[in-house]
């Protein structure tokens, strides 16, 4: 699997809680050996949920261009 770096904007609270979980669990619990491990697992689970609920369980079509970047404009947090 090829890995690439991304730079999402995430609330400071979520970042600090995730860092604390990784530091406290340090790999003793699945998907907690690093921040990358935790983020990859969480993002994969959410994408799979979205595919199940909104695309008949199929992967969404790949995007060739770039998506909008920057902080979320959503106030639903």
Protein backbone atom coordinates (compact mmCIF):
# COMPACT_ATOMS: atom_id res chain seq x y z
CA UNK A 1 0.00 0.00 0.00
CA UNK A 2 1.36 3.39 -0.98
CA UNK A 3 1.06 6.05 1.69
CA UNK A 4 0.77 9.78 1.08
CA UNK A 5 0.72 12.71 3.46
CA UNK A 6 -2.38 14.91 3.68
CA UNK A 7 -3.05 18.01 5.71
CA UNK A 8 -6.63 18.07 6.95
CA UNK A 9 -7.90 20.72 9.33
CA UNK A 10 -9.07 19.11 12.57
CA UNK A 11 -10.26 20.81 15.74
CA UNK A 12 -7.62 21.25 18.43
CA UNK A 13 -9.77 19.28 20.90
CA UNK A 14 -9.94 16.22 18.63
CA UNK A 15 -6.21 16.37 17.94
CA UNK A 16 -5.33 16.59 21.62
CA UNK A 17 -7.69 13.75 22.54
CA UNK A 18 -6.27 11.56 19.76
CA UNK A 19 -2.69 12.30 20.83
CA UNK A 20 -3.59 11.47 24.43
CA UNK A 21 -5.17 8.17 23.38
CA UNK A 22 -2.13 7.15 21.32
CA UNK A 23 0.24 8.16 24.12
CA UNK A 24 -1.79 6.35 26.79
CA UNK A 25 -2.39 3.17 24.78
CA UNK A 26 0.85 3.10 22.79
CA UNK A 27 -0.14 0.19 20.59
CA UNK A 28 -1.56 -1.97 23.38
CA UNK A 29 -4.97 -1.55 21.74
CA UNK A 30 -5.49 -2.03 17.99
CA UNK A 31 -4.84 1.02 15.82
CA UNK A 32 -3.06 3.02 18.53
CA UNK A 33 0.61 2.50 17.68
CA UNK A 34 0.81 5.96 16.06
CA UNK A 35 -1.32 8.93 15.08
CA UNK A 36 -1.10 7.77 11.46
CA UNK A 37 -2.37 4.32 12.45
CA UNK A 38 -5.31 5.81 14.39
CA UNK A 39 -6.22 8.31 11.65
CA UNK A 40 -5.99 5.72 8.86
CA UNK A 41 -8.24 3.31 10.78
CA UNK A 42 -10.81 5.97 11.68
CA UNK A 43 -10.91 7.42 8.18
CA UNK A 44 -11.20 3.98 6.56
CA UNK A 45 -14.11 3.02 8.86
CA UNK A 46 -15.95 6.27 8.12
CA UNK A 47 -15.45 5.97 4.36
CA UNK A 48 -16.71 2.37 4.47
CA UNK A 49 -19.77 3.54 6.45
CA UNK A 50 -20.46 6.27 3.89
CA UNK A 51 -20.12 3.77 1.04
CA UNK A 52 -22.55 1.36 2.76
CA UNK A 53 -25.10 4.05 3.57
CA UNK A 54 -24.89 6.23 0.48
CA UNK A 55 -23.47 4.17 -2.41
CA UNK A 56 -24.90 0.65 -2.06
CA UNK A 57 -21.71 -0.55 -0.40
CA UNK A 58 -19.63 0.28 -3.46
CA UNK A 59 -16.59 2.55 -3.52
CA UNK A 60 -17.33 6.07 -4.71
CA UNK A 61 -15.81 6.97 -8.10
CA UNK A 62 -12.21 8.19 -7.90
CA UNK A 63 -11.63 11.94 -8.15
CA UNK A 64 -9.04 13.08 -10.67
CA UNK A 65 -8.98 16.74 -9.70
CA UNK A 66 -8.50 18.41 -6.36
CA UNK A 67 -11.16 18.86 -3.70
CA UNK A 68 -11.77 22.06 -1.80
CA UNK A 69 -9.17 22.48 0.91
CA UNK A 70 -9.04 24.53 4.07
CA UNK A 71 -11.04 24.63 7.26
CA UNK A 72 -14.59 23.32 7.25
CA UNK A 73 -17.34 25.87 6.76
CA UNK A 74 -19.75 23.63 8.65
CA UNK A 75 -20.86 24.80 12.08
CA UNK A 76 -22.17 21.31 12.97
CA UNK A 77 -19.46 20.14 15.37
